[in-house]
Amino acid sequence: MRGRLSAVGHCCRCAESLSTVDAARAADGCLDFALTADLLDPGRIIVCERWASDEQLLAFRDCGPGDEQTVAIRDASVHKYRISAVEAP
């Protein structure tokens, strides 16, 4: 997911998202969940997620962001990538 946040900026928004990251990482099927701030664009965050199954991803998605987080999102672009293999570099 790629998202743009309100003018409040990403630093405080990332801090406010700690509970979301904790919840995701504790959720069944979560292999990885990270939310990072763009160093050059103060209104952009990047969310990277890996899930064991589509069903577990959708179960977590049903929880969704809270109202405060939803208000801060100006737009979002979400894409699912299917990776067939992971190898050492």
PDB file of N, CA and C in Angstrom:
ATOM      1  N   MET A   1       0.841  -1.172   0.000  1.00  0.00           N
ATOM      2  CA  MET A   1       0.000   0.000   0.000  1.00  0.00           C
ATOM      3  C   MET A   1       0.880   1.226   0.000  1.00  0.00           C
ATOM      4  N   ARG A   2       0.488   2.181  -0.778  1.00  0.00           N
ATOM      5  CA  ARG A   2       1.166   3.465  -0.784  1.00  0.00           C
ATOM      6  C   ARG A   2       0.108   4.484  -0.392  1.00  0.00           C
ATOM      7  N   GLY A   3       0.425   5.371   0.528  1.00  0.00           N
ATOM      8  CA  GLY A   3      -0.585   6.332   0.954  1.00  0.00           C
ATOM      9  C   GLY A   3      -0.031   7.719   1.169  1.00  0.00           C
ATOM     10  N   ARG A   4      -0.905   8.702   1.078  1.00  0.00           N
ATOM     11  CA  ARG A   4      -0.536  10.081   1.389  1.00  0.00           C
ATOM     12  C   ARG A   4      -1.360  10.514   2.588  1.00  0.00           C
ATOM     13  N   LEU A   5      -0.684  11.151   3.531  1.00  0.00           N
ATOM     14  CA  LEU A   5      -1.355  11.578   4.749  1.00  0.00           C
ATOM     15  C   LEU A   5      -1.641  13.066   4.724  1.00  0.00           C
ATOM     16  N   SER A   6      -2.445  13.500   5.676  1.00  0.00           N
ATOM     17  CA  SER A   6      -2.791  14.916   5.782  1.00  0.00           C
ATOM     18  C   SER A   6      -1.558  15.749   6.093  1.00  0.00           C
ATOM     19  N   ALA A   7      -1.709  17.054   6.053  1.00  0.00           N
ATOM     20  CA  ALA A   7      -0.597  17.972   6.265  1.00  0.00           C
ATOM     21  C   ALA A   7       0.005  17.866   7.659  1.00  0.00           C
ATOM     22  N   VAL A   8      -0.638  17.136   8.551  1.00  0.00           N
ATOM     23  CA  VAL A   8      -0.086  16.964   9.891  1.00  0.00           C
ATOM     24  C   VAL A   8       1.292  16.322   9.797  1.00  0.00           C
ATOM     25  N   GLY A   9       1.541  15.559   8.767  1.00  0.00           N
ATOM     26  CA  GLY A   9       2.852  14.960   8.543  1.00  0.00           C
ATOM     27  C   GLY A   9       2.919  13.522   9.004  1.00  0.00           C
ATOM     28  N   HIS A  10       3.936  12.821   8.498  1.00  0.00           N
ATOM     29  CA  HIS A  10       4.011  11.393   8.759  1.00  0.00           C
ATOM     30  C   HIS A  10       4.631  11.037  10.093  1.00  0.00           C
ATOM     31  N   CYS A  11       5.445  11.891  10.682  1.00  0.00           N
ATOM     32  CA  CYS A  11       6.133  11.501  11.917  1.00  0.00           C
ATOM     33  C   CYS A  11       5.153  11.151  13.028  1.00  0.00           C
ATOM     34  N   CYS A  12       4.206  12.029  13.290  1.00  0.00           N
ATOM     35  CA  CYS A  12       3.246  11.720  14.350  1.00  0.00           C
ATOM     36  C   CYS A  12       2.285  10.638  13.895  1.00  0.00           C
ATOM     37  N   ARG A  13       1.944  10.570  12.621  1.00  0.00           N
ATOM     38  CA  ARG A  13       1.028   9.536  12.141  1.00  0.00           C
ATOM     39  C   ARG A  13       1.658   8.160  12.289  1.00  0.00           C
ATOM     40  N   CYS A  14       2.946   8.043  12.020  1.00  0.00           N
ATOM     41  CA  CYS A  14       3.604   6.746  12.184  1.00  0.00           C
ATOM     42  C   CYS A  14       3.584   6.342  13.655  1.00  0.00           C
ATOM     43  N   ALA A  15       3.811   7.304  14.547  1.00  0.00           N
ATOM     44  CA  ALA A  15       3.764   7.009  15.978  1.00  0.00           C
ATOM     45  C   ALA A  15       2.365   6.570  16.389  1.00  0.00           C
ATOM     46  N   GLU A  16       1.343   7.209  15.839  1.00  0.00           N
ATOM     47  CA  GLU A  16      -0.039   6.848  16.156  1.00  0.00           C
ATOM     48  C   GLU A  16      -0.399   5.467  15.618  1.00  0.00           C
ATOM     49  N   SER A  17       0.348   4.989  14.650  1.00  0.00           N
ATOM     50  CA  SER A  17       0.044   3.706  14.018  1.00  0.00           C
ATOM     51  C   SER A  17       0.706   2.522  14.710  1.00  0.00           C
ATOM     52  N   LEU A  18       1.407   2.760  15.808  1.00  0.00           N
ATOM     53  CA  LEU A  18       2.065   1.659  16.515  1.00  0.00           C
ATOM     54  C   LEU A  18       1.083   0.563  16.905  1.00  0.00           C
ATOM     55  N   SER A  19      -0.113   0.940  17.333  1.00  0.00           N
ATOM     56  CA  SER A  19      -1.092  -0.074  17.732  1.00  0.00           C
ATOM     57  C   SER A  19      -1.534  -0.912  16.531  1.00  0.00           C
ATOM     58  N   THR A  20      -1.604  -0.285  15.354  1.00  0.00           N
ATOM     59  CA  THR A  20      -1.968  -1.020  14.142  1.00  0.00           C
ATOM     60  C   THR A  20      -0.886  -2.033  13.792  1.00  0.00           C
ATOM     61  N   VAL A  21       0.375  -1.609  13.870  1.00  0.00           N
ATOM     62  CA  VAL A  21       1.490  -2.505  13.569  1.00  0.00           C
ATOM     63  C   VAL A  21       1.513  -3.659  14.570  1.00  0.00           C
ATOM     64  N   ASP A  22       1.346  -3.346  15.853  1.00  0.00           N
ATOM     65  CA  ASP A  22       1.310  -4.398  16.877  1.00  0.00           C
ATOM     66  C   ASP A  22       0.183  -5.394  16.609  1.00  0.00           C
ATOM     67  N   ALA A  23      -1.006  -4.872  16.295  1.00  0.00           N
ATOM     68  CA  ALA A  23      -2.160  -5.745  16.042  1.00  0.00           C
ATOM     69  C   ALA A  23      -1.928  -6.626  14.822  1.00  0.00           C
ATOM     70  N   ALA A  24      -1.359  -6.044  13.766  1.00  0.00           N
ATOM     71  CA  ALA A  24      -1.101  -6.816  12.548  1.00  0.00           C
ATOM     72  C   ALA A  24      -0.108  -7.931  12.823  1.00  0.00           C
ATOM     73  N   ARG A  25       0.986  -7.593  13.483  1.00  0.00           N
ATOM     74  CA  ARG A  25       2.021  -8.598  13.736  1.00  0.00           C
ATOM     75  C   ARG A  25       1.540  -9.708  14.664  1.00  0.00           C
ATOM     76  N   ALA A  26       0.551  -9.410  15.498  1.00  0.00           N
ATOM     77  CA  ALA A  26      -0.009 -10.416  16.402  1.00  0.00           C
ATOM     78  C   ALA A  26      -1.120 -11.235  15.741  1.00  0.00           C
ATOM     79  N   ALA A  27      -1.599 -10.776  14.593  1.00  0.00           N
ATOM     80  CA  ALA A  27      -2.722 -11.439  13.920  1.00  0.00           C
ATOM     81  C   ALA A  27      -2.293 -12.775  13.316  1.00  0.00           C
ATOM     82  N   ASP A  28      -3.221 -13.718  13.312  1.00  0.00           N
ATOM     83  CA  ASP A  28      -2.964 -15.018  12.691  1.00  0.00           C
ATOM     84  C   ASP A  28      -2.600 -14.828  11.225  1.00  0.00           C
ATOM     85  N   GLY A  29      -1.498 -15.441  10.813  1.00  0.00           N
ATOM     86  CA  GLY A  29      -1.109 -15.418   9.414  1.00  0.00           C
ATOM     87  C   GLY A  29      -0.222 -14.264   8.998  1.00  0.00           C
ATOM     88  N   CYS A  30       0.031 -13.308   9.888  1.00  0.00           N
ATOM     89  CA  CYS A  30       0.899 -12.185   9.517  1.00  0.00           C
ATOM     90  C   CYS A  30       2.352 -12.649   9.532  1.00  0.00           C
ATOM     91  N   LEU A  31       3.008 -12.553   8.386  1.00  0.00           N
ATOM     92  CA  LEU A  31       4.417 -12.911   8.272  1.00  0.00           C
ATOM     93  C   LEU A  31       5.304 -11.688   8.447  1.00  0.00           C
ATOM     94  N   ASP A  32       4.785 -10.513   8.079  1.00  0.00           N
ATOM     95  CA  ASP A  32       5.532  -9.260   8.234  1.00  0.00           C
ATOM     96  C   ASP A  32       4.573  -8.099   8.034  1.00  0.00           C
ATOM     97  N   PHE A  33       4.785  -7.021   8.758  1.00  0.00           N
ATOM     98  CA  PHE A  33       3.977  -5.814   8.613  1.00  0.00           C
ATOM     99  C   PHE A  33       4.859  -4.646   9.011  1.00  0.00           C
ATOM    100  N   ALA A  34       5.046  -3.702   8.100  1.00  0.00           N
ATOM    101  CA  ALA A  34       5.875  -2.532   8.383  1.00  0.00           C
ATOM    102  C   ALA A  34       5.222  -1.284   7.816  1.00  0.00           C
ATOM    103  N   LEU A  35       5.319  -0.214   8.558  1.00  0.00           N
ATOM    104  CA  LEU A  35       4.816   1.086   8.143  1.00  0.00           C
ATOM    105  C   LEU A  35       5.999   2.037   8.240  1.00  0.00           C
ATOM    106  N   THR A  36       6.377   2.659   7.125  1.00  0.00           N
ATOM    107  CA  THR A  36       7.553   3.527   7.127  1.00  0.00           C
ATOM    108  C   THR A  36       7.227   4.892   6.548  1.00  0.00           C
ATOM    109  N   ALA A  37       7.982   5.878   6.995  1.00  0.00           N
ATOM    110  CA  ALA A  37       7.827   7.243   6.509  1.00  0.00           C
ATOM    111  C   ALA A  37       8.769   7.473   5.335  1.00  0.00           C
ATOM    112  N   ASP A  38       8.307   8.194   4.337  1.00  0.00           N
ATOM    113  CA  ASP A  38       9.149   8.586   3.213  1.00  0.00           C
ATOM    114  C   ASP A  38      10.056   9.717   3.695  1.00  0.00           C
ATOM    115  N   LEU A  39      11.360   9.567   3.527  1.00  0.00           N
ATOM    116  CA  LEU A  39      12.304  10.568   4.021  1.00  0.00           C
ATOM    117  C   LEU A  39      12.243  11.883   3.258  1.00  0.00           C
ATOM    118  N   LEU A  40      11.783  11.865   2.013  1.00  0.00           N
ATOM    119  CA  LEU A  40      11.754  13.081   1.208  1.00  0.00           C
ATOM    120  C   LEU A  40      10.378  13.718   1.104  1.00  0.00           C
ATOM    121  N   ASP A  41       9.333  12.945   1.276  1.00  0.00           N
ATOM    122  CA  ASP A  41       7.965  13.447   1.139  1.00  0.00           C
ATOM    123  C   ASP A  41       7.262  13.329   2.490  1.00  0.00           C
ATOM    124  N   PRO A  42       7.062  14.447   3.194  1.00  0.00           N
ATOM    125  CA  PRO A  42       6.495  14.386   4.542  1.00  0.00           C
ATOM    126  C   PRO A  42       5.047  13.917   4.596  1.00  0.00           C
ATOM    127  N   GLY A  43       4.381  13.802   3.462  1.00  0.00           N
ATOM    128  CA  GLY A  43       2.997  13.358   3.454  1.00  0.00           C
ATOM    129  C   GLY A  43       2.812  11.944   2.957  1.00  0.00           C
ATOM    130  N   ARG A  44       3.901  11.185   2.813  1.00  0.00           N
ATOM    131  CA  ARG A  44       3.803   9.850   2.219  1.00  0.00           C
ATOM    132  C   ARG A  44       4.287   8.789   3.196  1.00  0.00           C
ATOM    133  N   ILE A  45       3.523   7.720   3.300  1.00  0.00           N
ATOM    134  CA  ILE A  45       3.954   6.549   4.054  1.00  0.00           C
ATOM    135  C   ILE A  45       3.876   5.336   3.138  1.00  0.00           C
ATOM    136  N   ILE A  46       4.599   4.306   3.508  1.00  0.00           N
ATOM    137  CA  ILE A  46       4.572   3.055   2.757  1.00  0.00           C
ATOM    138  C   ILE A  46       4.252   1.937   3.745  1.00  0.00           C
ATOM    139  N   VAL A  47       3.286   1.119   3.403  1.00  0.00           N
ATOM    140  CA  VAL A  47       2.922  -0.036   4.217  1.00  0.00           C
ATOM    141  C   VAL A  47       3.268  -1.281   3.413  1.00  0.00           C
ATOM    142  N   CYS A  48       4.029  -2.155   4.010  1.00  0.00           N
ATOM    143  CA  CYS A  48       4.401  -3.411   3.363  1.00  0.00           C
ATOM    144  C   CYS A  48       3.921  -4.552   4.254  1.00  0.00           C
ATOM    145  N   GLU A  49       3.163  -5.470   3.673  1.00  0.00           N
ATOM    146  CA  GLU A  49       2.587  -6.573   4.436  1.00  0.00           C
ATOM    147  C   GLU A  49       2.840  -7.899   3.732  1.00  0.00           C
ATOM    148  N   ARG A  50       3.052  -8.951   4.522  1.00  0.00           N
ATOM    149  CA  ARG A  50       3.116 -10.317   4.001  1.00  0.00           C
ATOM    150  C   ARG A  50       2.211 -11.179   4.861  1.00  0.00           C
ATOM    151  N   TRP A  51       1.349 -11.944   4.206  1.00  0.00           N
ATOM    152  CA  TRP A  51       0.381 -12.787   4.908  1.00  0.00           C
ATOM    153  C   TRP A  51       0.475 -14.218   4.397  1.00  0.00           C
ATOM    154  N   ALA A  52       0.183 -15.162   5.266  1.00  0.00           N
ATOM    155  CA  ALA A  52       0.230 -16.579   4.899  1.00  0.00           C
ATOM    156  C   ALA A  52      -0.878 -16.947   3.922  1.00  0.00           C
ATOM    157  N   SER A  53      -2.025 -16.255   3.997  1.00  0.00           N
ATOM    158  CA  SER A  53      -3.132 -16.568   3.092  1.00  0.00           C
ATOM    159  C   SER A  53      -3.988 -15.329   2.856  1.00  0.00           C
ATOM    160  N   ASP A  54      -4.732 -15.352   1.759  1.00  0.00           N
ATOM    161  CA  ASP A  54      -5.668 -14.262   1.464  1.00  0.00           C
ATOM    162  C   ASP A  54      -6.736 -14.154   2.551  1.00  0.00           C
ATOM    163  N   GLU A  55      -7.175 -15.287   3.072  1.00  0.00           N
ATOM    164  CA  GLU A  55      -8.218 -15.285   4.103  1.00  0.00           C
ATOM    165  C   GLU A  55      -7.743 -14.561   5.362  1.00  0.00           C
ATOM    166  N   GLN A  56      -6.491 -14.796   5.749  1.00  0.00           N
ATOM    167  CA  GLN A  56      -5.960 -14.136   6.943  1.00  0.00           C
ATOM    168  C   GLN A  56      -5.748 -12.644   6.697  1.00  0.00           C
ATOM    169  N   LEU A  57      -5.331 -12.283   5.502  1.00  0.00           N
ATOM    170  CA  LEU A  57      -5.219 -10.869   5.139  1.00  0.00           C
ATOM    171  C   LEU A  57      -6.582 -10.195   5.239  1.00  0.00           C
ATOM    172  N   LEU A  58      -7.599 -10.804   4.644  1.00  0.00           N
ATOM    173  CA  LEU A  58      -8.940 -10.217   4.654  1.00  0.00           C
ATOM    174  C   LEU A  58      -9.521 -10.136   6.059  1.00  0.00           C
ATOM    175  N   ALA A  59      -9.225 -11.108   6.900  1.00  0.00           N
ATOM    176  CA  ALA A  59      -9.704 -11.063   8.285  1.00  0.00           C
ATOM    177  C   ALA A  59      -9.115  -9.859   9.006  1.00  0.00           C
ATOM    178  N   PHE A  60      -7.836  -9.577   8.759  1.00  0.00           N
ATOM    179  CA  PHE A  60      -7.220  -8.396   9.379  1.00  0.00           C
ATOM    180  C   PHE A  60      -7.780  -7.120   8.757  1.00  0.00           C
ATOM    181  N   ARG A  61      -7.965  -7.099   7.454  1.00  0.00           N
ATOM    182  CA  ARG A  61      -8.512  -5.930   6.756  1.00  0.00           C
ATOM    183  C   ARG A  61      -9.883  -5.550   7.297  1.00  0.00           C
ATOM    184  N   ASP A  62     -10.679  -6.530   7.685  1.00  0.00           N
ATOM    185  CA  ASP A  62     -12.009  -6.245   8.216  1.00  0.00           C
ATOM    186  C   ASP A  62     -11.945  -5.365   9.458  1.00  0.00           C
ATOM    187  N   CYS A  63     -10.816  -5.403  10.178  1.00  0.00           N
ATOM    188  CA  CYS A  63     -10.645  -4.539  11.355  1.00  0.00           C
ATOM    189  C   CYS A  63     -10.492  -3.087  10.915  1.00  0.00           C
ATOM    190  N   GLY A  64      -9.747  -2.836   9.836  1.00  0.00           N
ATOM    191  CA  GLY A  64      -9.588  -1.510   9.245  1.00  0.00           C
ATOM    192  C   GLY A  64      -8.971  -0.480  10.173  1.00  0.00           C
ATOM    193  N   PRO A  65      -8.570   0.671   9.598  1.00  0.00           N
ATOM    194  CA  PRO A  65      -8.008   1.746  10.419  1.00  0.00           C
ATOM    195  C   PRO A  65      -9.109   2.424  11.229  1.00  0.00           C
ATOM    196  N   GLY A  66      -8.709   3.049  12.339  1.00  0.00           N
ATOM    197  CA  GLY A  66      -9.656   3.795  13.157  1.00  0.00           C
ATOM    198  C   GLY A  66     -10.069   5.084  12.465  1.00  0.00           C
ATOM    199  N   ASP A  67     -11.086   5.733  13.002  1.00  0.00           N
ATOM    200  CA  ASP A  67     -11.601   6.971  12.408  1.00  0.00           C
ATOM    201  C   ASP A  67     -10.529   8.046  12.296  1.00  0.00           C
ATOM    202  N   GLU A  68      -9.675   8.191  13.330  1.00  0.00           N
ATOM    203  CA  GLU A  68      -8.632   9.220  13.295  1.00  0.00           C
ATOM    204  C   GLU A  68      -7.650   8.964  12.161  1.00  0.00           C
ATOM    205  N   GLN A  69      -7.290   7.703  11.952  1.00  0.00           N
ATOM    206  CA  GLN A  69      -6.366   7.378  10.868  1.00  0.00           C
ATOM    207  C   GLN A  69      -7.032   7.572   9.515  1.00  0.00           C
ATOM    208  N   THR A  70      -8.287   7.199   9.390  1.00  0.00           N
ATOM    209  CA  THR A  70      -8.999   7.333   8.123  1.00  0.00           C
ATOM    210  C   THR A  70      -9.093   8.792   7.702  1.00  0.00           C
ATOM    211  N   VAL A  71      -9.339   9.693   8.634  1.00  0.00           N
ATOM    212  CA  VAL A  71      -9.441  11.125   8.337  1.00  0.00           C
ATOM    213  C   VAL A  71      -8.114  11.659   7.808  1.00  0.00           C
ATOM    214  N   ALA A  72      -6.989  11.123   8.282  1.00  0.00           N
ATOM    215  CA  ALA A  72      -5.674  11.621   7.892  1.00  0.00           C
ATOM    216  C   ALA A  72      -5.256  11.176   6.497  1.00  0.00           C
ATOM    217  N   ILE A  73      -5.881  10.152   5.941  1.00  0.00           N
ATOM    218  CA  ILE A  73      -5.479   9.622   4.636  1.00  0.00           C
ATOM    219  C   ILE A  73      -6.140  10.429   3.525  1.00  0.00           C
ATOM    220  N   ARG A  74      -5.311  11.102   2.712  1.00  0.00           N
ATOM    221  CA  ARG A  74      -5.836  11.878   1.584  1.00  0.00           C
ATOM    222  C   ARG A  74      -6.142  10.989   0.397  1.00  0.00           C
ATOM    223  N   ASP A  75      -5.274  10.049   0.121  1.00  0.00           N
ATOM    224  CA  ASP A  75      -5.517   9.072  -0.934  1.00  0.00           C
ATOM    225  C   ASP A  75      -4.634   7.864  -0.673  1.00  0.00           C
ATOM    226  N   ALA A  76      -4.979   6.772  -1.281  1.00  0.00           N
ATOM    227  CA  ALA A  76      -4.194   5.556  -1.100  1.00  0.00           C
ATOM    228  C   ALA A  76      -4.248   4.739  -2.377  1.00  0.00           C
ATOM    229  N   SER A  77      -3.169   4.064  -2.636  1.00  0.00           N
ATOM    230  CA  SER A  77      -3.085   3.165  -3.775  1.00  0.00           C
ATOM    231  C   SER A  77      -2.673   1.804  -3.224  1.00  0.00           C
ATOM    232  N   VAL A  78      -3.504   0.809  -3.423  1.00  0.00           N
ATOM    233  CA  VAL A  78      -3.248  -0.509  -2.858  1.00  0.00           C
ATOM    234  C   VAL A  78      -3.085  -1.516  -3.987  1.00  0.00           C
ATOM    235  N   HIS A  79      -2.012  -2.281  -3.916  1.00  0.00           N
ATOM    236  CA  HIS A  79      -1.760  -3.330  -4.904  1.00  0.00           C
ATOM    237  C   HIS A  79      -1.324  -4.585  -4.177  1.00  0.00           C
ATOM    238  N   LYS A  80      -1.802  -5.719  -4.646  1.00  0.00           N
ATOM    239  CA  LYS A  80      -1.389  -7.006  -4.101  1.00  0.00           C
ATOM    240  C   LYS A  80      -0.399  -7.620  -5.086  1.00  0.00           C
ATOM    241  N   TYR A  81       0.737  -8.058  -4.559  1.00  0.00           N
ATOM    242  CA  TYR A  81       1.753  -8.699  -5.385  1.00  0.00           C
ATOM    243  C   TYR A  81       1.831 -10.167  -5.000  1.00  0.00           C
ATOM    244  N   ARG A  82       1.851 -11.032  -5.983  1.00  0.00           N
ATOM    245  CA  ARG A  82       2.000 -12.466  -5.759  1.00  0.00           C
ATOM    246  C   ARG A  82       3.455 -12.828  -6.068  1.00  0.00           C
ATOM    247  N   ILE A  83       4.151 -13.307  -5.069  1.00  0.00           N
ATOM    248  CA  ILE A  83       5.560 -13.666  -5.220  1.00  0.00           C
ATOM    249  C   ILE A  83       5.661 -15.183  -5.171  1.00  0.00           C
ATOM    250  N   SER A  84       6.229 -15.754  -6.207  1.00  0.00           N
ATOM    251  CA  SER A  84       6.264 -17.213  -6.306  1.00  0.00           C
ATOM    252  C   SER A  84       7.443 -17.837  -5.568  1.00  0.00           C
ATOM    253  N   ALA A  85       8.498 -17.063  -5.313  1.00  0.00           N
ATOM    254  CA  ALA A  85       9.657 -17.631  -4.630  1.00  0.00           C
ATOM    255  C   ALA A  85      10.461 -16.523  -3.965  1.00  0.00           C
ATOM    256  N   VAL A  86      11.181 -16.895  -2.927  1.00  0.00           N
ATOM    257  CA  VAL A  86      12.097 -15.984  -2.249  1.00  0.00           C
ATOM    258  C   VAL A  86      13.448 -16.675  -2.217  1.00  0.00           C
ATOM    259  N   GLU A  87      14.498 -15.958  -2.649  1.00  0.00           N
ATOM    260  CA  GLU A  87      15.834 -16.536  -2.717  1.00  0.00           C
ATOM    261  C   GLU A  87      16.833 -15.617  -2.041  1.00  0.00           C
ATOM    262  N   ALA A  88      17.946 -16.179  -1.616  1.00  0.00           N
ATOM    263  CA  ALA A  88      19.041 -15.375  -1.081  1.00  0.00           C
ATOM    264  C   ALA A  88      19.660 -14.569  -2.223  1.00  0.00           C
ATOM    265  N   PRO A  89      20.175 -13.390  -1.933  1.00  0.00           N
ATOM    266  CA  PRO A  89      20.779 -12.575  -3.014  1.00  0.00           C
ATOM    267  C   PRO A  89      22.038 -13.207  -3.583  1.00  0.00           C
TER     268      PRO A  89
END
